[in-house]
Amino acid sequence: MGVMYCRARGELTVQPIAWTRWHNVTLWLVQPDEVIRQFLSTSPLVEPPDFAANMRQLMRFMLLHPEPATRSSRGAPLADTAGTPRILAEAPGWSAVLCH
């Protein structure tokens, strides 16, 4: 993982993510919080109280969007037909920069 925040430039870099289909994700969705913390955390004893709920939300997202490289959570294409990444939105005070 590279540097995410450059203090000198005031830039925050968010790298693209990808995942493969998690075939048994539905089994994890029904596990108790303790089991999710124990097996899906690198530090289960110090996770915040909402860790398991956040993990379930992530798992539901992965079920709904099994191919993240092609669509955003809103269903918009992430790249044009030539494969050039699209800027989906910019928040006030932030701007997107295409990194190579």
PDB file of N, CA and C in Angstrom:
ATOM      1  N   MET A   1       0.845  -1.167   0.000  1.00  0.00           N
ATOM      2  CA  MET A   1       0.000   0.000   0.000  1.00  0.00           C
ATOM      3  C   MET A   1       0.891   1.231   0.000  1.00  0.00           C
ATOM      4  N   GLY A   2       0.588   2.195  -0.842  1.00  0.00           N
ATOM      5  CA  GLY A   2       1.359   3.417  -0.916  1.00  0.00           C
ATOM      6  C   GLY A   2       0.869   4.448   0.077  1.00  0.00           C
ATOM      7  N   VAL A   3       1.464   5.618   0.010  1.00  0.00           N
ATOM      8  CA  VAL A   3       1.072   6.724   0.871  1.00  0.00           C
ATOM      9  C   VAL A   3      -0.319   7.183   0.465  1.00  0.00           C
ATOM     10  N   MET A   4      -1.217   7.314   1.431  1.00  0.00           N
ATOM     11  CA  MET A   4      -2.578   7.725   1.123  1.00  0.00           C
ATOM     12  C   MET A   4      -2.769   9.232   1.236  1.00  0.00           C
ATOM     13  N   TYR A   5      -2.021   9.883   2.140  1.00  0.00           N
ATOM     14  CA  TYR A   5      -2.178  11.320   2.317  1.00  0.00           C
ATOM     15  C   TYR A   5      -0.827  11.996   2.187  1.00  0.00           C
ATOM     16  N   CYS A   6      -0.737  12.981   1.318  1.00  0.00           N
ATOM     17  CA  CYS A   6       0.481  13.766   1.142  1.00  0.00           C
ATOM     18  C   CYS A   6       0.250  15.108   1.813  1.00  0.00           C
ATOM     19  N   ARG A   7       0.876  15.286   2.965  1.00  0.00           N
ATOM     20  CA  ARG A   7       0.682  16.507   3.738  1.00  0.00           C
ATOM     21  C   ARG A   7       1.188  17.738   2.982  1.00  0.00           C
ATOM     22  N   ALA A   8       2.311  17.617   2.289  1.00  0.00           N
ATOM     23  CA  ALA A   8       2.895  18.751   1.574  1.00  0.00           C
ATOM     24  C   ALA A   8       1.950  19.293   0.501  1.00  0.00           C
ATOM     25  N   ARG A   9       1.265  18.398  -0.191  1.00  0.00           N
ATOM     26  CA  ARG A   9       0.347  18.815  -1.256  1.00  0.00           C
ATOM     27  C   ARG A   9      -1.097  18.877  -0.785  1.00  0.00           C
ATOM     28  N   GLY A  10      -1.384  18.339   0.407  1.00  0.00           N
ATOM     29  CA  GLY A  10      -2.760  18.311   0.894  1.00  0.00           C
ATOM     30  C   GLY A  10      -3.644  17.398   0.075  1.00  0.00           C
ATOM     31  N   GLU A  11      -3.063  16.303  -0.418  1.00  0.00           N
ATOM     32  CA  GLU A  11      -3.805  15.380  -1.283  1.00  0.00           C
ATOM     33  C   GLU A  11      -4.057  14.055  -0.585  1.00  0.00           C
ATOM     34  N   LEU A  12      -5.255  13.562  -0.721  1.00  0.00           N
ATOM     35  CA  LEU A  12      -5.639  12.244  -0.228  1.00  0.00           C
ATOM     36  C   LEU A  12      -5.836  11.354  -1.441  1.00  0.00           C
ATOM     37  N   THR A  13      -5.142  10.231  -1.484  1.00  0.00           N
ATOM     38  CA  THR A  13      -5.235   9.307  -2.609  1.00  0.00           C
ATOM     39  C   THR A  13      -6.073   8.105  -2.203  1.00  0.00           C
ATOM     40  N   VAL A  14      -7.102   7.835  -2.964  1.00  0.00           N
ATOM     41  CA  VAL A  14      -7.940   6.660  -2.737  1.00  0.00           C
ATOM     42  C   VAL A  14      -7.711   5.735  -3.920  1.00  0.00           C
ATOM     43  N   GLN A  15      -7.055   4.619  -3.665  1.00  0.00           N
ATOM     44  CA  GLN A  15      -6.741   3.668  -4.721  1.00  0.00           C
ATOM     45  C   GLN A  15      -7.985   2.861  -5.102  1.00  0.00           C
ATOM     46  N   PRO A  16      -8.081   2.448  -6.362  1.00  0.00           N
ATOM     47  CA  PRO A  16      -9.195   1.576  -6.749  1.00  0.00           C
ATOM     48  C   PRO A  16      -9.073   0.236  -6.030  1.00  0.00           C
ATOM     49  N   ILE A  17     -10.200  -0.377  -5.789  1.00  0.00           N
ATOM     50  CA  ILE A  17     -10.196  -1.684  -5.137  1.00  0.00           C
ATOM     51  C   ILE A  17     -10.863  -2.704  -6.048  1.00  0.00           C
ATOM     52  N   ALA A  18     -10.555  -3.933  -5.821  1.00  0.00           N
ATOM     53  CA  ALA A  18     -11.166  -5.023  -6.575  1.00  0.00           C
ATOM     54  C   ALA A  18     -11.252  -6.238  -5.661  1.00  0.00           C
ATOM     55  N   TRP A  19     -12.178  -7.098  -5.939  1.00  0.00           N
ATOM     56  CA  TRP A  19     -12.301  -8.337  -5.185  1.00  0.00           C
ATOM     57  C   TRP A  19     -12.853  -9.419  -6.085  1.00  0.00           C
ATOM     58  N   THR A  20     -12.646 -10.629  -5.666  1.00  0.00           N
ATOM     59  CA  THR A  20     -13.228 -11.755  -6.389  1.00  0.00           C
ATOM     60  C   THR A  20     -14.494 -12.170  -5.658  1.00  0.00           C
ATOM     61  N   ARG A  21     -15.320 -12.898  -6.340  1.00  0.00           N
ATOM     62  CA  ARG A  21     -16.573 -13.338  -5.708  1.00  0.00           C
ATOM     63  C   ARG A  21     -16.276 -14.162  -4.468  1.00  0.00           C
ATOM     64  N   TRP A  22     -17.016 -13.881  -3.425  1.00  0.00           N
ATOM     65  CA  TRP A  22     -16.880 -14.562  -2.144  1.00  0.00           C
ATOM     66  C   TRP A  22     -18.054 -15.535  -2.069  1.00  0.00           C
ATOM     67  N   HIS A  23     -17.809 -16.770  -2.446  1.00  0.00           N
ATOM     68  CA  HIS A  23     -18.897 -17.723  -2.644  1.00  0.00           C
ATOM     69  C   HIS A  23     -19.645 -18.094  -1.370  1.00  0.00           C
ATOM     70  N   ASN A  24     -19.036 -18.021  -0.220  1.00  0.00           N
ATOM     71  CA  ASN A  24     -19.733 -18.376   1.020  1.00  0.00           C
ATOM     72  C   ASN A  24     -20.069 -17.143   1.860  1.00  0.00           C
ATOM     73  N   VAL A  25     -20.175 -15.986   1.232  1.00  0.00           N
ATOM     74  CA  VAL A  25     -20.440 -14.758   1.975  1.00  0.00           C
ATOM     75  C   VAL A  25     -21.768 -14.815   2.727  1.00  0.00           C
ATOM     76  N   THR A  26     -22.758 -15.498   2.189  1.00  0.00           N
ATOM     77  CA  THR A  26     -24.049 -15.574   2.882  1.00  0.00           C
ATOM     78  C   THR A  26     -23.944 -16.315   4.216  1.00  0.00           C
ATOM     79  N   LEU A  27     -23.005 -17.231   4.324  1.00  0.00           N
ATOM     80  CA  LEU A  27     -22.796 -17.921   5.603  1.00  0.00           C
ATOM     81  C   LEU A  27     -22.239 -16.962   6.653  1.00  0.00           C
ATOM     82  N   TRP A  28     -21.384 -16.038   6.230  1.00  0.00           N
ATOM     83  CA  TRP A  28     -20.823 -15.059   7.163  1.00  0.00           C
ATOM     84  C   TRP A  28     -21.858 -14.051   7.618  1.00  0.00           C
ATOM     85  N   LEU A  29     -22.810 -13.723   6.765  1.00  0.00           N
ATOM     86  CA  LEU A  29     -23.832 -12.733   7.123  1.00  0.00           C
ATOM     87  C   LEU A  29     -24.656 -13.137   8.341  1.00  0.00           C
ATOM     88  N   VAL A  30     -24.794 -14.420   8.582  1.00  0.00           N
ATOM     89  CA  VAL A  30     -25.635 -14.888   9.691  1.00  0.00           C
ATOM     90  C   VAL A  30     -24.833 -15.241  10.947  1.00  0.00           C
ATOM     91  N   GLN A  31     -23.526 -15.035  10.910  1.00  0.00           N
ATOM     92  CA  GLN A  31     -22.697 -15.362  12.079  1.00  0.00           C
ATOM     93  C   GLN A  31     -22.859 -14.310  13.168  1.00  0.00           C
ATOM     94  N   PRO A  32     -22.708 -14.706  14.433  1.00  0.00           N
ATOM     95  CA  PRO A  32     -22.766 -13.733  15.526  1.00  0.00           C
ATOM     96  C   PRO A  32     -21.606 -12.745  15.432  1.00  0.00           C
ATOM     97  N   ASP A  33     -21.784 -11.593  16.047  1.00  0.00           N
ATOM     98  CA  ASP A  33     -20.756 -10.549  16.032  1.00  0.00           C
ATOM     99  C   ASP A  33     -19.397 -11.076  16.475  1.00  0.00           C
ATOM    100  N   GLU A  34     -19.380 -11.895  17.506  1.00  0.00           N
ATOM    101  CA  GLU A  34     -18.117 -12.399  18.053  1.00  0.00           C
ATOM    102  C   GLU A  34     -17.343 -13.213  17.010  1.00  0.00           C
ATOM    103  N   VAL A  35     -18.066 -14.009  16.236  1.00  0.00           N
ATOM    104  CA  VAL A  35     -17.426 -14.847  15.210  1.00  0.00           C
ATOM    105  C   VAL A  35     -16.864 -13.965  14.095  1.00  0.00           C
ATOM    106  N   ILE A  36     -17.625 -12.950  13.691  1.00  0.00           N
ATOM    107  CA  ILE A  36     -17.147 -12.032  12.653  1.00  0.00           C
ATOM    108  C   ILE A  36     -15.888 -11.317  13.127  1.00  0.00           C
ATOM    109  N   ARG A  37     -15.889 -10.831  14.363  1.00  0.00           N
ATOM    110  CA  ARG A  37     -14.694 -10.169  14.899  1.00  0.00           C
ATOM    111  C   ARG A  37     -13.506 -11.120  14.958  1.00  0.00           C
ATOM    112  N   GLN A  38     -13.750 -12.339  15.422  1.00  0.00           N
ATOM    113  CA  GLN A  38     -12.659 -13.298  15.596  1.00  0.00           C
ATOM    114  C   GLN A  38     -11.993 -13.672  14.277  1.00  0.00           C
ATOM    115  N   PHE A  39     -12.800 -13.879  13.234  1.00  0.00           N
ATOM    116  CA  PHE A  39     -12.252 -14.410  11.990  1.00  0.00           C
ATOM    117  C   PHE A  39     -12.049 -13.391  10.869  1.00  0.00           C
ATOM    118  N   LEU A  40     -12.658 -12.216  10.972  1.00  0.00           N
ATOM    119  CA  LEU A  40     -12.527 -11.231   9.896  1.00  0.00           C
ATOM    120  C   LEU A  40     -11.768  -9.978  10.319  1.00  0.00           C
ATOM    121  N   SER A  41     -11.240  -9.976  11.516  1.00  0.00           N
ATOM    122  CA  SER A  41     -10.487  -8.828  12.004  1.00  0.00           C
ATOM    123  C   SER A  41      -9.039  -9.223  12.270  1.00  0.00           C
ATOM    124  N   THR A  42      -8.150  -8.268  12.063  1.00  0.00           N
ATOM    125  CA  THR A  42      -6.751  -8.504  12.418  1.00  0.00           C
ATOM    126  C   THR A  42      -6.495  -8.184  13.887  1.00  0.00           C
ATOM    127  N   SER A  43      -7.450  -7.497  14.521  1.00  0.00           N
ATOM    128  CA  SER A  43      -7.306  -7.131  15.944  1.00  0.00           C
ATOM    129  C   SER A  43      -8.674  -7.184  16.623  1.00  0.00           C
ATOM    130  N   PRO A  44      -9.235  -8.387  16.788  1.00  0.00           N
ATOM    131  CA  PRO A  44     -10.611  -8.527  17.269  1.00  0.00           C
ATOM    132  C   PRO A  44     -10.885  -7.962  18.666  1.00  0.00           C
ATOM    133  N   LEU A  45      -9.880  -7.878  19.501  1.00  0.00           N
ATOM    134  CA  LEU A  45     -10.108  -7.402  20.867  1.00  0.00           C
ATOM    135  C   LEU A  45     -10.259  -5.886  20.963  1.00  0.00           C
ATOM    136  N   VAL A  46      -9.888  -5.174  19.926  1.00  0.00           N
ATOM    137  CA  VAL A  46      -9.959  -3.715  19.988  1.00  0.00           C
ATOM    138  C   VAL A  46     -10.843  -3.094  18.902  1.00  0.00           C
ATOM    139  N   GLU A  47     -11.647  -3.895  18.255  1.00  0.00           N
ATOM    140  CA  GLU A  47     -12.536  -3.359  17.222  1.00  0.00           C
ATOM    141  C   GLU A  47     -13.641  -2.523  17.870  1.00  0.00           C
ATOM    142  N   PRO A  48     -14.125  -1.504  17.161  1.00  0.00           N
ATOM    143  CA  PRO A  48     -15.235  -0.702  17.683  1.00  0.00           C
ATOM    144  C   PRO A  48     -16.517  -1.536  17.720  1.00  0.00           C
ATOM    145  N   PRO A  49     -17.500  -1.107  18.490  1.00  0.00           N
ATOM    146  CA  PRO A  49     -18.740  -1.881  18.633  1.00  0.00           C
ATOM    147  C   PRO A  49     -19.479  -2.143  17.318  1.00  0.00           C
ATOM    148  N   ASP A  50     -19.318  -1.267  16.329  1.00  0.00           N
ATOM    149  CA  ASP A  50     -20.043  -1.432  15.064  1.00  0.00           C
ATOM    150  C   ASP A  50     -19.244  -2.203  14.003  1.00  0.00           C
ATOM    151  N   PHE A  51     -18.142  -2.838  14.390  1.00  0.00           N
ATOM    152  CA  PHE A  51     -17.300  -3.568  13.429  1.00  0.00           C
ATOM    153  C   PHE A  51     -18.100  -4.636  12.680  1.00  0.00           C
ATOM    154  N   ALA A  52     -18.811  -5.482  13.396  1.00  0.00           N
ATOM    155  CA  ALA A  52     -19.551  -6.575  12.744  1.00  0.00           C
ATOM    156  C   ALA A  52     -20.642  -6.026  11.828  1.00  0.00           C
ATOM    157  N   ALA A  53     -21.332  -4.990  12.268  1.00  0.00           N
ATOM    158  CA  ALA A  53     -22.377  -4.389  11.429  1.00  0.00           C
ATOM    159  C   ALA A  53     -21.773  -3.811  10.153  1.00  0.00           C
ATOM    160  N   ASN A  54     -20.613  -3.165  10.278  1.00  0.00           N
ATOM    161  CA  ASN A  54     -19.943  -2.615   9.092  1.00  0.00           C
ATOM    162  C   ASN A  54     -19.480  -3.716   8.150  1.00  0.00           C
ATOM    163  N   MET A  55     -18.988  -4.814   8.711  1.00  0.00           N
ATOM    164  CA  MET A  55     -18.573  -5.944   7.875  1.00  0.00           C
ATOM    165  C   MET A  55     -19.766  -6.547   7.141  1.00  0.00           C
ATOM    166  N   ARG A  56     -20.903  -6.655   7.823  1.00  0.00           N
ATOM    167  CA  ARG A  56     -22.108  -7.177   7.150  1.00  0.00           C
ATOM    168  C   ARG A  56     -22.545  -6.256   6.017  1.00  0.00           C
ATOM    169  N   GLN A  57     -22.451  -4.952   6.247  1.00  0.00           N
ATOM    170  CA  GLN A  57     -22.806  -3.994   5.201  1.00  0.00           C
ATOM    171  C   GLN A  57     -21.882  -4.172   3.989  1.00  0.00           C
ATOM    172  N   LEU A  58     -20.598  -4.352   4.243  1.00  0.00           N
ATOM    173  CA  LEU A  58     -19.644  -4.603   3.169  1.00  0.00           C
ATOM    174  C   LEU A  58     -19.976  -5.891   2.421  1.00  0.00           C
ATOM    175  N   MET A  59     -20.316  -6.939   3.160  1.00  0.00           N
ATOM    176  CA  MET A  59     -20.649  -8.222   2.527  1.00  0.00           C
ATOM    177  C   MET A  59     -21.904  -8.109   1.666  1.00  0.00           C
ATOM    178  N   ARG A  60     -22.911  -7.378   2.147  1.00  0.00           N
ATOM    179  CA  ARG A  60     -24.125  -7.176   1.347  1.00  0.00           C
ATOM    180  C   ARG A  60     -23.799  -6.406   0.063  1.00  0.00           C
ATOM    181  N   PHE A  61     -22.921  -5.409   0.171  1.00  0.00           N
ATOM    182  CA  PHE A  61     -22.495  -4.655  -1.009  1.00  0.00           C
ATOM    183  C   PHE A  61     -21.820  -5.580  -2.011  1.00  0.00           C
ATOM    184  N   MET A  62     -20.956  -6.468  -1.509  1.00  0.00           N
ATOM    185  CA  MET A  62     -20.264  -7.404  -2.394  1.00  0.00           C
ATOM    186  C   MET A  62     -21.239  -8.360  -3.077  1.00  0.00           C
ATOM    187  N   LEU A  63     -22.291  -8.748  -2.392  1.00  0.00           N
ATOM    188  CA  LEU A  63     -23.305  -9.608  -3.007  1.00  0.00           C
ATOM    189  C   LEU A  63     -24.050  -8.873  -4.110  1.00  0.00           C
ATOM    190  N   LEU A  64     -24.364  -7.603  -3.867  1.00  0.00           N
ATOM    191  CA  LEU A  64     -25.108  -6.819  -4.852  1.00  0.00           C
ATOM    192  C   LEU A  64     -24.246  -6.383  -6.035  1.00  0.00           C
ATOM    193  N   HIS A  65     -22.935  -6.261  -5.810  1.00  0.00           N
ATOM    194  CA  HIS A  65     -22.019  -5.774  -6.845  1.00  0.00           C
ATOM    195  C   HIS A  65     -20.833  -6.723  -6.967  1.00  0.00           C
ATOM    196  N   PRO A  66     -21.051  -7.897  -7.552  1.00  0.00           N
ATOM    197  CA  PRO A  66     -19.989  -8.901  -7.603  1.00  0.00           C
ATOM    198  C   PRO A  66     -18.837  -8.554  -8.534  1.00  0.00           C
ATOM    199  N   GLU A  67     -19.007  -7.585  -9.415  1.00  0.00           N
ATOM    200  CA  GLU A  67     -17.940  -7.213 -10.341  1.00  0.00           C
ATOM    201  C   GLU A  67     -17.647  -5.717 -10.194  1.00  0.00           C
ATOM    202  N   PRO A  68     -16.881  -5.343  -9.180  1.00  0.00           N
ATOM    203  CA  PRO A  68     -16.686  -3.924  -8.863  1.00  0.00           C
ATOM    204  C   PRO A  68     -15.913  -3.126  -9.902  1.00  0.00           C
ATOM    205  N   ALA A  69     -15.183  -3.768 -10.749  1.00  0.00           N
ATOM    206  CA  ALA A  69     -14.359  -3.037 -11.712  1.00  0.00           C
ATOM    207  C   ALA A  69     -15.183  -2.375 -12.808  1.00  0.00           C
ATOM    208  N   THR A  70     -16.455  -2.738 -12.936  1.00  0.00           N
ATOM    209  CA  THR A  70     -17.234  -2.208 -14.040  1.00  0.00           C
ATOM    210  C   THR A  70     -18.308  -1.208 -13.631  1.00  0.00           C
ATOM    211  N   ARG A  71     -18.772  -1.244 -12.391  1.00  0.00           N
ATOM    212  CA  ARG A  71     -19.887  -0.385 -11.975  1.00  0.00           C
ATOM    213  C   ARG A  71     -19.647   0.215 -10.597  1.00  0.00           C
ATOM    214  N   SER A  72     -20.210   1.402 -10.377  1.00  0.00           N
ATOM    215  CA  SER A  72     -20.174   2.016  -9.054  1.00  0.00           C
ATOM    216  C   SER A  72     -21.346   1.490  -8.243  1.00  0.00           C
ATOM    217  N   SER A  73     -21.432   1.898  -6.981  1.00  0.00           N
ATOM    218  CA  SER A  73     -22.547   1.461  -6.141  1.00  0.00           C
ATOM    219  C   SER A  73     -23.872   2.002  -6.650  1.00  0.00           C
ATOM    220  N   ARG A  74     -23.830   3.067  -7.464  1.00  0.00           N
ATOM    221  CA  ARG A  74     -25.055   3.631  -8.042  1.00  0.00           C
ATOM    222  C   ARG A  74     -25.348   3.060  -9.424  1.00  0.00           C
ATOM    223  N   GLY A  75     -24.495   2.137  -9.884  1.00  0.00           N
ATOM    224  CA  GLY A  75     -24.713   1.509 -11.173  1.00  0.00           C
ATOM    225  C   GLY A  75     -24.070   2.232 -12.339  1.00  0.00           C
ATOM    226  N   ALA A  76     -23.381   3.349 -12.073  1.00  0.00           N
ATOM    227  CA  ALA A  76     -22.741   4.100 -13.151  1.00  0.00           C
ATOM    228  C   ALA A  76     -21.462   3.401 -13.588  1.00  0.00           C
ATOM    229  N   PRO A  77     -21.159   3.412 -14.882  1.00  0.00           N
ATOM    230  CA  PRO A  77     -19.898   2.818 -15.346  1.00  0.00           C
ATOM    231  C   PRO A  77     -18.706   3.549 -14.731  1.00  0.00           C
ATOM    232  N   LEU A  78     -17.667   2.815 -14.363  1.00  0.00           N
ATOM    233  CA  LEU A  78     -16.476   3.421 -13.792  1.00  0.00           C
ATOM    234  C   LEU A  78     -15.464   3.826 -14.857  1.00  0.00           C
ATOM    235  N   ALA A  79     -15.679   3.398 -16.091  1.00  0.00           N
ATOM    236  CA  ALA A  79     -14.761   3.754 -17.174  1.00  0.00           C
ATOM    237  C   ALA A  79     -15.555   3.897 -18.458  1.00  0.00           C
ATOM    238  N   ASP A  80     -15.017   4.672 -19.388  1.00  0.00           N
ATOM    239  CA  ASP A  80     -15.683   4.776 -20.678  1.00  0.00           C
ATOM    240  C   ASP A  80     -15.350   3.543 -21.524  1.00  0.00           C
ATOM    241  N   THR A  81     -15.813   3.506 -22.753  1.00  0.00           N
ATOM    242  CA  THR A  81     -15.610   2.311 -23.575  1.00  0.00           C
ATOM    243  C   THR A  81     -14.149   2.048 -23.899  1.00  0.00           C
ATOM    244  N   ALA A  82     -13.292   3.082 -23.802  1.00  0.00           N
ATOM    245  CA  ALA A  82     -11.863   2.895 -24.049  1.00  0.00           C
ATOM    246  C   ALA A  82     -11.115   2.483 -22.782  1.00  0.00           C
ATOM    247  N   GLY A  83     -11.838   2.411 -21.661  1.00  0.00           N
ATOM    248  CA  GLY A  83     -11.211   2.011 -20.409  1.00  0.00           C
ATOM    249  C   GLY A  83     -10.670   3.165 -19.582  1.00  0.00           C
ATOM    250  N   THR A  84     -10.934   4.406 -20.023  1.00  0.00           N
ATOM    251  CA  THR A  84     -10.484   5.575 -19.268  1.00  0.00           C
ATOM    252  C   THR A  84     -11.389   5.769 -18.049  1.00  0.00           C
ATOM    253  N   PRO A  85     -10.810   5.847 -16.845  1.00  0.00           N
ATOM    254  CA  PRO A  85     -11.635   6.027 -15.646  1.00  0.00           C
ATOM    255  C   PRO A  85     -12.464   7.301 -15.711  1.00  0.00           C
ATOM    256  N   ARG A  86     -13.655   7.245 -15.141  1.00  0.00           N
ATOM    257  CA  ARG A  86     -14.544   8.396 -15.071  1.00  0.00           C
ATOM    258  C   ARG A  86     -14.489   8.984 -13.671  1.00  0.00           C
ATOM    259  N   ILE A  87     -14.667  10.285 -13.582  1.00  0.00           N
ATOM    260  CA  ILE A  87     -14.826  10.940 -12.287  1.00  0.00           C
ATOM    261  C   ILE A  87     -16.320  10.928 -11.997  1.00  0.00           C
ATOM    262  N   LEU A  88     -16.721  10.236 -10.930  1.00  0.00           N
ATOM    263  CA  LEU A  88     -18.142  10.092 -10.637  1.00  0.00           C
ATOM    264  C   LEU A  88     -18.724  11.328  -9.981  1.00  0.00           C
ATOM    265  N   ALA A  89     -18.000  11.929  -9.061  1.00  0.00           N
ATOM    266  CA  ALA A  89     -18.500  13.111  -8.367  1.00  0.00           C
ATOM    267  C   ALA A  89     -17.351  13.757  -7.623  1.00  0.00           C
ATOM    268  N   GLU A  90     -17.485  15.037  -7.397  1.00  0.00           N
ATOM    269  CA  GLU A  90     -16.508  15.743  -6.590  1.00  0.00           C
ATOM    270  C   GLU A  90     -17.239  16.443  -5.462  1.00  0.00           C
ATOM    271  N   ALA A  91     -16.716  16.312  -4.263  1.00  0.00           N
ATOM    272  CA  ALA A  91     -17.299  16.976  -3.106  1.00  0.00           C
ATOM    273  C   ALA A  91     -16.722  18.385  -3.014  1.00  0.00           C
ATOM    274  N   PRO A  92     -17.447  19.311  -2.401  1.00  0.00           N
ATOM    275  CA  PRO A  92     -16.915  20.666  -2.241  1.00  0.00           C
ATOM    276  C   PRO A  92     -15.559  20.636  -1.527  1.00  0.00           C
ATOM    277  N   GLY A  93     -14.587  21.337  -2.093  1.00  0.00           N
ATOM    278  CA  GLY A  93     -13.258  21.377  -1.505  1.00  0.00           C
ATOM    279  C   GLY A  93     -12.361  20.239  -1.947  1.00  0.00           C
ATOM    280  N   TRP A  94     -12.884  19.303  -2.735  1.00  0.00           N
ATOM    281  CA  TRP A  94     -12.111  18.158  -3.211  1.00  0.00           C
ATOM    282  C   TRP A  94     -12.148  18.147  -4.721  1.00  0.00           C
ATOM    283  N   SER A  95     -11.104  17.630  -5.324  1.00  0.00           N
ATOM    284  CA  SER A  95     -11.113  17.442  -6.769  1.00  0.00           C
ATOM    285  C   SER A  95     -10.455  16.109  -7.087  1.00  0.00           C
ATOM    286  N   ALA A  96     -10.903  15.501  -8.137  1.00  0.00           N
ATOM    287  CA  ALA A  96     -10.348  14.207  -8.540  1.00  0.00           C
ATOM    288  C   ALA A  96      -9.170  14.428  -9.463  1.00  0.00           C
ATOM    289  N   VAL A  97      -8.135  13.617  -9.302  1.00  0.00           N
ATOM    290  CA  VAL A  97      -6.945  13.685 -10.143  1.00  0.00           C
ATOM    291  C   VAL A  97      -6.700  12.286 -10.687  1.00  0.00           C
ATOM    292  N   LEU A  98      -6.565  12.172 -11.984  1.00  0.00           N
ATOM    293  CA  LEU A  98      -6.305  10.872 -12.599  1.00  0.00           C
ATOM    294  C   LEU A  98      -4.852  10.499 -12.365  1.00  0.00           C
ATOM    295  N   CYS A  99      -4.618   9.377 -11.723  1.00  0.00           N
ATOM    296  CA  CYS A  99      -3.270   8.911 -11.434  1.00  0.00           C
ATOM    297  C   CYS A  99      -2.924   7.775 -12.390  1.00  0.00           C
ATOM    298  N   HIS A 100      -1.688   7.730 -12.787  1.00  0.00           N
ATOM    299  CA  HIS A 100      -1.235   6.667 -13.697  1.00  0.00           C
ATOM    300  C   HIS A 100      -0.326   5.720 -12.995  1.00  0.00           C
TER     301      HIS A 100
END
